[in-house]
Amino acid sequence: MVDFRIAEFLEEFVKRVFYSLEYVRIGVVYLGRKTGEKKRI
């Protein structure tokens, strides 16, 4: 079943992308708070 393998690969790929976006968002929020203490935007 080629379709099943492709679907499995896509699911894994999507999960990795979402995890990466989550880490980026957390990093941005963390940096935003750190710089926000010095200067308010």
N, C-alpha and C. Protein backbone atom coordinates (compact mmCIF):
# COMPACT_ATOMS: atom_id res chain seq x y z
N MET A 1 0.85 -1.21 0.00
CA MET A 1 0.00 0.00 0.00
C MET A 1 0.88 1.25 0.00
N VAL A 2 1.02 1.84 -1.15
CA VAL A 2 1.84 3.05 -1.26
C VAL A 2 1.12 4.23 -0.61
N ASP A 3 -0.19 4.30 -0.80
CA ASP A 3 -0.97 5.43 -0.25
C ASP A 3 -0.83 5.52 1.27
N PHE A 4 -0.85 4.36 1.93
CA PHE A 4 -0.75 4.35 3.39
C PHE A 4 0.61 4.89 3.84
N ARG A 5 1.67 4.50 3.13
CA ARG A 5 3.01 4.96 3.50
C ARG A 5 3.13 6.46 3.28
N ILE A 6 2.56 6.95 2.20
CA ILE A 6 2.61 8.39 1.92
C ILE A 6 1.85 9.15 3.00
N ALA A 7 0.67 8.64 3.35
CA ALA A 7 -0.14 9.30 4.38
C ALA A 7 0.60 9.32 5.71
N GLU A 8 1.27 8.21 6.03
CA GLU A 8 2.01 8.13 7.29
C GLU A 8 3.15 9.14 7.28
N PHE A 9 3.84 9.25 6.15
CA PHE A 9 4.95 10.20 6.03
C PHE A 9 4.45 11.63 6.18
N LEU A 10 3.33 11.93 5.51
CA LEU A 10 2.77 13.28 5.58
C LEU A 10 2.36 13.62 7.01
N GLU A 11 1.77 12.65 7.70
CA GLU A 11 1.34 12.89 9.08
C GLU A 11 2.55 13.21 9.96
N GLU A 12 3.63 12.43 9.79
CA GLU A 12 4.84 12.66 10.57
C GLU A 12 5.43 14.03 10.24
N PHE A 13 5.42 14.38 8.95
CA PHE A 13 5.96 15.67 8.51
C PHE A 13 5.16 16.82 9.12
N VAL A 14 3.84 16.70 9.08
CA VAL A 14 2.98 17.76 9.63
C VAL A 14 3.22 17.91 11.13
N LYS A 15 3.37 16.78 11.82
CA LYS A 15 3.63 16.84 13.27
C LYS A 15 4.92 17.60 13.54
N ARG A 16 5.96 17.29 12.77
CA ARG A 16 7.25 17.97 12.99
C ARG A 16 7.13 19.45 12.72
N VAL A 17 6.40 19.82 11.68
CA VAL A 17 6.23 21.25 11.36
C VAL A 17 5.51 21.95 12.51
N PHE A 18 4.45 21.31 13.03
CA PHE A 18 3.69 21.93 14.12
C PHE A 18 4.54 22.07 15.37
N TYR A 19 5.34 21.03 15.67
CA TYR A 19 6.23 21.11 16.84
C TYR A 19 7.22 22.25 16.67
N SER A 20 7.77 22.39 15.45
CA SER A 20 8.74 23.46 15.19
C SER A 20 8.08 24.82 15.38
N LEU A 21 6.86 24.98 14.86
CA LEU A 21 6.16 26.25 15.00
C LEU A 21 5.90 26.55 16.47
N GLU A 22 5.56 25.52 17.23
CA GLU A 22 5.28 25.71 18.66
C GLU A 22 6.54 26.19 19.39
N TYR A 23 7.69 25.56 19.06
CA TYR A 23 8.94 25.97 19.69
C TYR A 23 9.28 27.41 19.30
N VAL A 24 9.08 27.76 18.04
CA VAL A 24 9.37 29.12 17.58
C VAL A 24 8.48 30.11 18.31
N ARG A 25 7.19 29.77 18.45
CA ARG A 25 6.25 30.68 19.12
C ARG A 25 6.65 30.88 20.57
N ILE A 26 7.02 29.80 21.25
CA ILE A 26 7.44 29.91 22.65
C ILE A 26 8.70 30.77 22.75
N GLY A 27 9.63 30.56 21.82
CA GLY A 27 10.87 31.35 21.82
C GLY A 27 10.59 32.82 21.61
N VAL A 28 9.68 33.12 20.68
CA VAL A 28 9.34 34.53 20.41
C VAL A 28 8.70 35.16 21.63
N VAL A 29 7.78 34.44 22.28
CA VAL A 29 7.12 34.97 23.47
C VAL A 29 8.14 35.20 24.58
N TYR A 30 9.06 34.24 24.74
CA TYR A 30 10.08 34.36 25.78
C TYR A 30 10.97 35.57 25.52
N LEU A 31 11.44 35.71 24.28
CA LEU A 31 12.29 36.86 23.92
C LEU A 31 11.50 38.15 24.06
N GLY A 32 10.23 38.11 23.68
CA GLY A 32 9.39 39.30 23.78
C GLY A 32 9.24 39.76 25.22
N ARG A 33 9.08 38.81 26.14
CA ARG A 33 8.98 39.18 27.56
C ARG A 33 10.30 39.72 28.07
N LYS A 34 11.39 39.11 27.65
CA LYS A 34 12.71 39.53 28.12
C LYS A 34 13.00 40.96 27.69
N THR A 35 12.73 41.28 26.41
CA THR A 35 12.99 42.64 25.93
C THR A 35 11.87 43.57 26.37
N GLY A 36 10.67 43.02 26.63
CA GLY A 36 9.55 43.85 27.05
C GLY A 36 9.77 44.45 28.42
N GLU A 37 10.59 43.81 29.24
CA GLU A 37 10.87 44.35 30.57
C GLU A 37 11.66 45.65 30.47
N LYS A 38 12.53 45.71 29.46
CA LYS A 38 13.37 46.90 29.30
C LYS A 38 12.61 48.03 28.61
N LYS A 39 11.90 47.66 27.52
CA LYS A 39 11.16 48.69 26.79
C LYS A 39 9.78 48.18 26.43
N ARG A 40 8.78 48.96 26.69
CA ARG A 40 7.41 48.56 26.37
C ARG A 40 7.09 48.92 24.93
N ILE A 41 6.44 47.98 24.24
CA ILE A 41 6.08 48.24 22.84
C ILE A 41 4.63 48.69 22.77
